[in-house]
N, C-alpha and C. Protein backbone atom coordinates (compact mmCIF):
# COMPACT_ATOMS: atom_id res chain seq x y z
N MET A 1 3.72 21.22 -3.11
CA MET A 1 4.14 19.88 -3.47
C MET A 1 3.23 19.38 -4.60
N THR A 2 3.83 18.85 -5.63
CA THR A 2 3.09 18.26 -6.74
C THR A 2 3.09 16.75 -6.54
N LEU A 3 1.91 16.18 -6.47
CA LEU A 3 1.77 14.74 -6.25
C LEU A 3 1.31 14.02 -7.50
N GLY A 4 1.73 12.77 -7.60
CA GLY A 4 1.18 11.88 -8.61
C GLY A 4 -0.05 11.21 -8.03
N PRO A 5 -0.63 10.27 -8.75
CA PRO A 5 -1.79 9.55 -8.24
C PRO A 5 -1.46 8.83 -6.93
N LEU A 6 -2.42 8.83 -6.02
CA LEU A 6 -2.25 8.15 -4.74
C LEU A 6 -3.10 6.89 -4.69
N GLU A 7 -2.60 5.90 -3.99
CA GLU A 7 -3.29 4.63 -3.85
C GLU A 7 -3.19 4.21 -2.38
N MET A 8 -4.26 3.66 -1.85
CA MET A 8 -4.21 3.09 -0.50
C MET A 8 -4.49 1.60 -0.62
N VAL A 9 -3.62 0.80 -0.01
CA VAL A 9 -3.83 -0.64 0.02
C VAL A 9 -3.76 -1.12 1.46
N VAL A 10 -4.55 -2.14 1.74
CA VAL A 10 -4.51 -2.82 3.03
C VAL A 10 -4.10 -4.25 2.71
N ILE A 11 -2.96 -4.65 3.25
CA ILE A 11 -2.43 -5.98 2.98
C ILE A 11 -2.47 -6.77 4.28
N ALA A 12 -3.29 -7.81 4.32
CA ALA A 12 -3.46 -8.61 5.53
C ALA A 12 -2.45 -9.76 5.55
N PHE A 13 -1.98 -10.09 6.74
CA PHE A 13 -1.01 -11.16 6.94
C PHE A 13 -1.53 -12.14 7.98
N PRO A 14 -1.18 -13.43 7.84
CA PRO A 14 -1.73 -14.46 8.73
C PRO A 14 -1.08 -14.55 10.10
N GLU A 15 -0.17 -13.65 10.41
CA GLU A 15 0.47 -13.60 11.72
C GLU A 15 0.44 -12.17 12.22
N GLU A 16 0.90 -11.96 13.45
CA GLU A 16 0.91 -10.61 14.01
C GLU A 16 2.13 -9.80 13.58
N ARG A 17 2.92 -10.33 12.68
CA ARG A 17 4.07 -9.60 12.17
C ARG A 17 4.13 -9.74 10.66
N ILE A 18 4.82 -8.81 10.04
CA ILE A 18 5.00 -8.84 8.60
C ILE A 18 6.35 -9.48 8.30
N ASP A 19 6.34 -10.45 7.42
CA ASP A 19 7.57 -11.15 7.07
C ASP A 19 8.59 -10.15 6.52
N PRO A 20 9.83 -10.20 7.01
CA PRO A 20 10.87 -9.28 6.52
C PRO A 20 11.09 -9.33 5.01
N LYS A 21 10.82 -10.47 4.38
CA LYS A 21 10.98 -10.57 2.93
C LYS A 21 10.01 -9.63 2.22
N VAL A 22 8.79 -9.51 2.74
CA VAL A 22 7.80 -8.61 2.14
C VAL A 22 8.28 -7.16 2.28
N ILE A 23 8.78 -6.82 3.45
CA ILE A 23 9.28 -5.46 3.68
C ILE A 23 10.44 -5.17 2.74
N SER A 24 11.35 -6.13 2.61
CA SER A 24 12.51 -5.96 1.73
C SER A 24 12.10 -5.75 0.27
N GLU A 25 11.15 -6.53 -0.20
CA GLU A 25 10.70 -6.39 -1.59
C GLU A 25 10.03 -5.04 -1.83
N PHE A 26 9.20 -4.60 -0.87
CA PHE A 26 8.55 -3.30 -1.04
C PHE A 26 9.58 -2.18 -0.95
N ALA A 27 10.57 -2.33 -0.08
CA ALA A 27 11.64 -1.34 0.03
C ALA A 27 12.38 -1.20 -1.30
N SER A 28 12.55 -2.30 -2.02
CA SER A 28 13.21 -2.25 -3.33
C SER A 28 12.39 -1.43 -4.33
N VAL A 29 11.08 -1.60 -4.27
CA VAL A 29 10.19 -0.84 -5.17
C VAL A 29 10.28 0.65 -4.84
N VAL A 30 10.28 0.98 -3.55
CA VAL A 30 10.39 2.38 -3.12
C VAL A 30 11.74 2.95 -3.52
N ALA A 31 12.81 2.21 -3.25
CA ALA A 31 14.17 2.68 -3.57
C ALA A 31 14.35 2.88 -5.07
N GLY A 32 13.65 2.08 -5.87
CA GLY A 32 13.73 2.22 -7.32
C GLY A 32 12.99 3.43 -7.87
N GLY A 33 12.22 4.10 -7.02
CA GLY A 33 11.53 5.32 -7.43
C GLY A 33 10.16 5.13 -8.05
N ALA A 34 9.67 3.89 -8.10
CA ALA A 34 8.36 3.66 -8.71
C ALA A 34 7.23 4.22 -7.85
N VAL A 35 7.38 4.13 -6.52
CA VAL A 35 6.38 4.64 -5.60
C VAL A 35 7.05 5.41 -4.47
N THR A 36 6.28 6.28 -3.84
CA THR A 36 6.73 7.02 -2.66
C THR A 36 5.69 6.81 -1.57
N ILE A 37 6.12 6.34 -0.42
CA ILE A 37 5.18 6.11 0.69
C ILE A 37 4.84 7.45 1.33
N VAL A 38 3.53 7.72 1.48
CA VAL A 38 3.10 8.97 2.12
C VAL A 38 2.33 8.74 3.41
N ASP A 39 1.97 7.50 3.70
CA ASP A 39 1.34 7.17 4.98
C ASP A 39 1.49 5.66 5.17
N LEU A 40 1.76 5.27 6.40
CA LEU A 40 2.00 3.87 6.69
C LEU A 40 1.62 3.57 8.12
N LEU A 41 0.82 2.52 8.29
CA LEU A 41 0.56 2.02 9.63
C LEU A 41 0.36 0.53 9.60
N VAL A 42 0.58 -0.08 10.74
CA VAL A 42 0.37 -1.52 10.89
C VAL A 42 -0.68 -1.70 11.98
N VAL A 43 -1.71 -2.46 11.64
CA VAL A 43 -2.81 -2.75 12.57
C VAL A 43 -2.69 -4.22 12.97
N ARG A 44 -2.71 -4.48 14.27
CA ARG A 44 -2.60 -5.85 14.78
C ARG A 44 -3.80 -6.19 15.66
N LYS A 45 -4.18 -7.47 15.63
CA LYS A 45 -5.19 -7.96 16.56
C LYS A 45 -4.57 -9.15 17.29
N ASP A 46 -4.54 -9.06 18.62
CA ASP A 46 -3.93 -10.15 19.40
C ASP A 46 -4.94 -11.26 19.66
N ALA A 47 -4.49 -12.29 20.38
CA ALA A 47 -5.33 -13.47 20.64
C ALA A 47 -6.60 -13.12 21.40
N ALA A 48 -6.55 -12.07 22.23
CA ALA A 48 -7.71 -11.65 23.02
C ALA A 48 -8.65 -10.75 22.21
N GLY A 49 -8.27 -10.43 20.98
CA GLY A 49 -9.11 -9.57 20.16
C GLY A 49 -8.82 -8.09 20.30
N GLU A 50 -7.78 -7.75 21.08
CA GLU A 50 -7.40 -6.34 21.25
C GLU A 50 -6.67 -5.85 20.00
N VAL A 51 -7.06 -4.68 19.53
CA VAL A 51 -6.46 -4.10 18.34
C VAL A 51 -5.47 -3.01 18.74
N SER A 52 -4.30 -3.04 18.11
CA SER A 52 -3.31 -1.98 18.32
C SER A 52 -2.88 -1.46 16.96
N VAL A 53 -2.46 -0.20 16.96
CA VAL A 53 -2.05 0.45 15.71
C VAL A 53 -0.69 1.08 15.91
N ASP A 54 0.23 0.74 15.02
CA ASP A 54 1.55 1.38 14.98
C ASP A 54 1.55 2.32 13.79
N GLU A 55 1.65 3.61 14.08
CA GLU A 55 1.68 4.62 13.03
C GLU A 55 3.11 5.12 12.90
N PHE A 56 3.56 5.32 11.68
CA PHE A 56 4.95 5.68 11.46
C PHE A 56 5.06 7.10 10.95
N ASP A 57 6.16 7.75 11.34
CA ASP A 57 6.45 9.11 10.90
C ASP A 57 7.49 9.08 9.80
N VAL A 58 7.79 10.25 9.25
CA VAL A 58 8.79 10.37 8.20
C VAL A 58 10.11 9.78 8.68
N GLY A 59 10.74 9.00 7.82
CA GLY A 59 12.04 8.41 8.14
C GLY A 59 12.12 7.00 7.61
N ASP A 60 13.08 6.28 8.13
CA ASP A 60 13.34 4.92 7.67
C ASP A 60 12.73 3.94 8.66
N ILE A 61 11.92 3.01 8.13
CA ILE A 61 11.25 2.00 8.95
C ILE A 61 11.62 0.64 8.39
N ASP A 62 12.48 -0.07 9.06
CA ASP A 62 12.89 -1.41 8.61
C ASP A 62 13.26 -1.45 7.14
N GLY A 63 13.96 -0.42 6.67
CA GLY A 63 14.39 -0.40 5.28
C GLY A 63 13.44 0.33 4.34
N LEU A 64 12.24 0.64 4.80
CA LEU A 64 11.29 1.42 4.00
C LEU A 64 11.46 2.89 4.34
N THR A 65 11.42 3.75 3.35
CA THR A 65 11.54 5.17 3.61
C THR A 65 10.18 5.83 3.43
N LEU A 66 9.70 6.45 4.50
CA LEU A 66 8.47 7.23 4.46
C LEU A 66 8.89 8.68 4.22
N SER A 67 8.69 9.15 2.98
CA SER A 67 9.21 10.45 2.57
C SER A 67 8.36 11.61 3.05
N GLU A 68 7.08 11.46 2.98
CA GLU A 68 6.13 12.50 3.38
C GLU A 68 5.08 11.86 4.26
N LYS A 69 4.51 12.62 5.15
CA LYS A 69 3.44 12.13 6.02
C LYS A 69 2.23 12.98 5.75
N LEU A 70 1.25 12.40 5.05
CA LEU A 70 0.06 13.17 4.68
C LEU A 70 -1.14 12.90 5.59
N ASP A 71 -1.04 11.94 6.49
CA ASP A 71 -2.13 11.62 7.42
C ASP A 71 -3.46 11.39 6.70
N LEU A 72 -3.42 10.57 5.66
CA LEU A 72 -4.64 10.27 4.92
C LEU A 72 -5.43 9.12 5.51
N VAL A 73 -4.82 8.34 6.38
CA VAL A 73 -5.50 7.22 7.03
C VAL A 73 -5.98 7.71 8.40
N SER A 74 -7.29 7.70 8.59
CA SER A 74 -7.86 8.20 9.85
C SER A 74 -7.89 7.12 10.91
N ALA A 75 -8.16 7.53 12.13
CA ALA A 75 -8.33 6.58 13.23
C ALA A 75 -9.50 5.64 12.92
N GLU A 76 -10.53 6.17 12.28
CA GLU A 76 -11.69 5.35 11.91
C GLU A 76 -11.31 4.30 10.88
N ASP A 77 -10.45 4.69 9.93
CA ASP A 77 -9.97 3.73 8.93
C ASP A 77 -9.22 2.58 9.61
N ALA A 78 -8.32 2.95 10.52
CA ALA A 78 -7.52 1.94 11.24
C ALA A 78 -8.43 1.03 12.07
N GLU A 79 -9.43 1.62 12.68
CA GLU A 79 -10.38 0.84 13.48
C GLU A 79 -11.14 -0.15 12.60
N ALA A 80 -11.57 0.29 11.43
CA ALA A 80 -12.30 -0.59 10.51
C ALA A 80 -11.41 -1.75 10.05
N VAL A 81 -10.14 -1.46 9.79
CA VAL A 81 -9.21 -2.52 9.41
C VAL A 81 -9.07 -3.51 10.56
N GLY A 82 -8.90 -3.00 11.77
CA GLY A 82 -8.76 -3.86 12.95
C GLY A 82 -9.97 -4.75 13.17
N GLU A 83 -11.15 -4.21 12.97
CA GLU A 83 -12.37 -5.00 13.15
C GLU A 83 -12.42 -6.17 12.18
N GLY A 84 -11.86 -5.99 10.99
CA GLY A 84 -11.89 -7.03 9.98
C GLY A 84 -10.83 -8.10 10.13
N LEU A 85 -9.89 -7.89 11.04
CA LEU A 85 -8.81 -8.86 11.21
C LEU A 85 -9.23 -10.03 12.08
N ASP A 86 -8.69 -11.20 11.78
CA ASP A 86 -8.83 -12.35 12.67
C ASP A 86 -7.85 -12.17 13.82
N PRO A 87 -8.11 -12.82 14.96
CA PRO A 87 -7.14 -12.76 16.06
C PRO A 87 -5.78 -13.30 15.62
N GLU A 88 -4.74 -12.70 16.18
CA GLU A 88 -3.35 -13.07 15.94
C GLU A 88 -2.93 -12.85 14.48
N THR A 89 -3.45 -11.77 13.88
CA THR A 89 -3.06 -11.38 12.53
C THR A 89 -2.76 -9.89 12.50
N CYS A 90 -2.29 -9.42 11.36
CA CYS A 90 -2.04 -7.99 11.22
C CYS A 90 -2.29 -7.56 9.79
N ALA A 91 -2.28 -6.26 9.57
CA ALA A 91 -2.42 -5.70 8.23
C ALA A 91 -1.58 -4.44 8.14
N ALA A 92 -0.95 -4.27 6.99
CA ALA A 92 -0.25 -3.03 6.69
C ALA A 92 -1.20 -2.15 5.90
N VAL A 93 -1.33 -0.91 6.31
CA VAL A 93 -2.13 0.08 5.59
C VAL A 93 -1.12 1.05 4.98
N ILE A 94 -1.04 1.04 3.67
CA ILE A 94 -0.02 1.81 2.98
C ILE A 94 -0.69 2.76 2.00
N VAL A 95 -0.36 4.05 2.12
CA VAL A 95 -0.78 5.02 1.12
C VAL A 95 0.49 5.42 0.39
N PHE A 96 0.46 5.24 -0.93
CA PHE A 96 1.66 5.57 -1.69
C PHE A 96 1.31 6.36 -2.94
N GLU A 97 2.26 7.19 -3.31
CA GLU A 97 2.16 7.93 -4.56
C GLU A 97 2.73 7.05 -5.65
N MET A 98 2.02 6.96 -6.76
CA MET A 98 2.54 6.25 -7.92
C MET A 98 3.47 7.22 -8.65
N THR A 99 4.68 7.32 -8.11
CA THR A 99 5.66 8.29 -8.59
C THR A 99 5.92 8.13 -10.08
N TRP A 100 5.92 6.90 -10.54
CA TRP A 100 6.16 6.61 -11.96
C TRP A 100 5.13 7.29 -12.87
N ALA A 101 3.94 7.57 -12.35
CA ALA A 101 2.85 8.12 -13.16
C ALA A 101 2.64 9.62 -12.97
N LYS A 102 3.52 10.27 -12.20
CA LYS A 102 3.32 11.68 -11.87
C LYS A 102 3.21 12.56 -13.12
N ALA A 103 4.17 12.49 -14.02
CA ALA A 103 4.15 13.34 -15.22
C ALA A 103 2.97 12.99 -16.12
N PHE A 104 2.68 11.71 -16.25
CA PHE A 104 1.55 11.27 -17.07
C PHE A 104 0.23 11.82 -16.50
N ALA A 105 0.05 11.69 -15.18
CA ALA A 105 -1.18 12.18 -14.54
C ALA A 105 -1.35 13.68 -14.74
N HIS A 106 -0.25 14.42 -14.63
CA HIS A 106 -0.35 15.87 -14.81
C HIS A 106 -0.66 16.22 -16.26
N ALA A 107 -0.11 15.46 -17.21
CA ALA A 107 -0.43 15.71 -18.63
C ALA A 107 -1.90 15.43 -18.90
N VAL A 108 -2.42 14.34 -18.34
CA VAL A 108 -3.84 14.02 -18.51
C VAL A 108 -4.71 15.13 -17.92
N GLY A 109 -4.40 15.55 -16.69
CA GLY A 109 -5.19 16.60 -16.04
C GLY A 109 -5.10 17.93 -16.75
N ALA A 110 -3.92 18.26 -17.26
CA ALA A 110 -3.73 19.55 -17.94
C ALA A 110 -4.52 19.63 -19.24
N THR A 111 -4.86 18.49 -19.80
CA THR A 111 -5.62 18.48 -21.05
C THR A 111 -7.11 18.23 -20.82
N GLY A 112 -7.52 18.23 -19.55
CA GLY A 112 -8.93 18.04 -19.22
C GLY A 112 -9.33 16.58 -19.08
N GLY A 113 -8.37 15.68 -19.20
CA GLY A 113 -8.68 14.26 -19.07
C GLY A 113 -8.84 13.87 -17.61
N LEU A 114 -9.45 12.73 -17.40
CA LEU A 114 -9.60 12.21 -16.05
C LEU A 114 -9.71 10.70 -16.10
N VAL A 115 -9.41 10.07 -15.00
CA VAL A 115 -9.55 8.62 -14.92
C VAL A 115 -11.04 8.31 -14.83
N ALA A 116 -11.56 7.65 -15.84
CA ALA A 116 -12.99 7.34 -15.89
C ALA A 116 -13.30 6.01 -15.21
N PHE A 117 -12.31 5.14 -15.12
CA PHE A 117 -12.51 3.85 -14.48
C PHE A 117 -11.15 3.31 -14.08
N ARG A 118 -11.10 2.67 -12.93
CA ARG A 118 -9.88 2.04 -12.45
C ARG A 118 -10.25 0.79 -11.69
N MET A 119 -9.49 -0.27 -11.93
CA MET A 119 -9.76 -1.51 -11.22
C MET A 119 -8.46 -2.26 -11.04
N SER A 120 -8.26 -2.83 -9.87
CA SER A 120 -7.11 -3.69 -9.63
C SER A 120 -7.47 -5.11 -10.05
N ILE A 121 -6.56 -5.76 -10.73
CA ILE A 121 -6.75 -7.15 -11.14
C ILE A 121 -6.08 -8.03 -10.08
N PRO A 122 -6.82 -8.93 -9.44
CA PRO A 122 -6.22 -9.80 -8.41
C PRO A 122 -5.07 -10.62 -8.99
N TYR A 123 -4.06 -10.85 -8.18
CA TYR A 123 -2.86 -11.56 -8.59
C TYR A 123 -3.17 -12.90 -9.23
N ASP A 124 -4.04 -13.69 -8.62
CA ASP A 124 -4.33 -15.03 -9.16
C ASP A 124 -5.02 -14.95 -10.51
N VAL A 125 -5.84 -13.94 -10.74
CA VAL A 125 -6.51 -13.75 -12.03
C VAL A 125 -5.48 -13.38 -13.10
N ALA A 126 -4.57 -12.47 -12.75
CA ALA A 126 -3.52 -12.06 -13.70
C ALA A 126 -2.62 -13.23 -14.05
N GLU A 127 -2.25 -14.03 -13.05
CA GLU A 127 -1.41 -15.20 -13.30
C GLU A 127 -2.11 -16.19 -14.22
N ALA A 128 -3.40 -16.44 -13.99
CA ALA A 128 -4.15 -17.37 -14.82
C ALA A 128 -4.25 -16.86 -16.26
N ALA A 129 -4.47 -15.57 -16.43
CA ALA A 129 -4.56 -14.99 -17.78
C ALA A 129 -3.22 -15.10 -18.49
N ALA A 130 -2.13 -14.83 -17.78
CA ALA A 130 -0.79 -14.94 -18.38
C ALA A 130 -0.49 -16.39 -18.77
N ALA A 131 -0.84 -17.31 -17.91
CA ALA A 131 -0.62 -18.74 -18.21
C ALA A 131 -1.43 -19.18 -19.41
N ALA A 132 -2.66 -18.67 -19.54
CA ALA A 132 -3.54 -19.07 -20.63
C ALA A 132 -2.99 -18.66 -22.00
N VAL A 133 -2.24 -17.58 -22.04
CA VAL A 133 -1.68 -17.13 -23.33
C VAL A 133 -0.19 -17.44 -23.44
N GLY A 134 0.35 -18.13 -22.44
CA GLY A 134 1.76 -18.50 -22.47
C GLY A 134 2.72 -17.36 -22.23
N ALA A 135 2.25 -16.30 -21.59
CA ALA A 135 3.10 -15.15 -21.31
C ALA A 135 4.02 -15.46 -20.15
N ASP A 136 5.24 -14.97 -20.23
CA ASP A 136 6.22 -15.16 -19.16
C ASP A 136 6.45 -13.81 -18.50
N LEU A 137 5.62 -13.50 -17.52
CA LEU A 137 5.71 -12.17 -16.86
C LEU A 137 6.48 -12.26 -15.58
């Protein structure tokens, strides 16, 4: 299997469930081919502080398609996420392939190039920068 770059994100939510609108929007991104989900779990902490983990296998999950299961998120990773949650909240732990960048990443690697630095720009910072220059993104 040839993979593109992989990314792991932990998205925390203020309730013990993920809003269906969020799932629907991410499902659209997956269906459009921009990303491929390779690992997915949901970590919840109840009012008593008990942590539970729902791990998903290959298939369709509420409209999201998990194409491959690479088991990149360990039990220790899930435990660390759970420890960081407030009671009555949850987090989605998503590992996805940046499918859109697969050919580019292979071209970079084939020529000896490598990613020397990578940083995510927080949403509010990007919005403020766009507003400052009048960009309509």
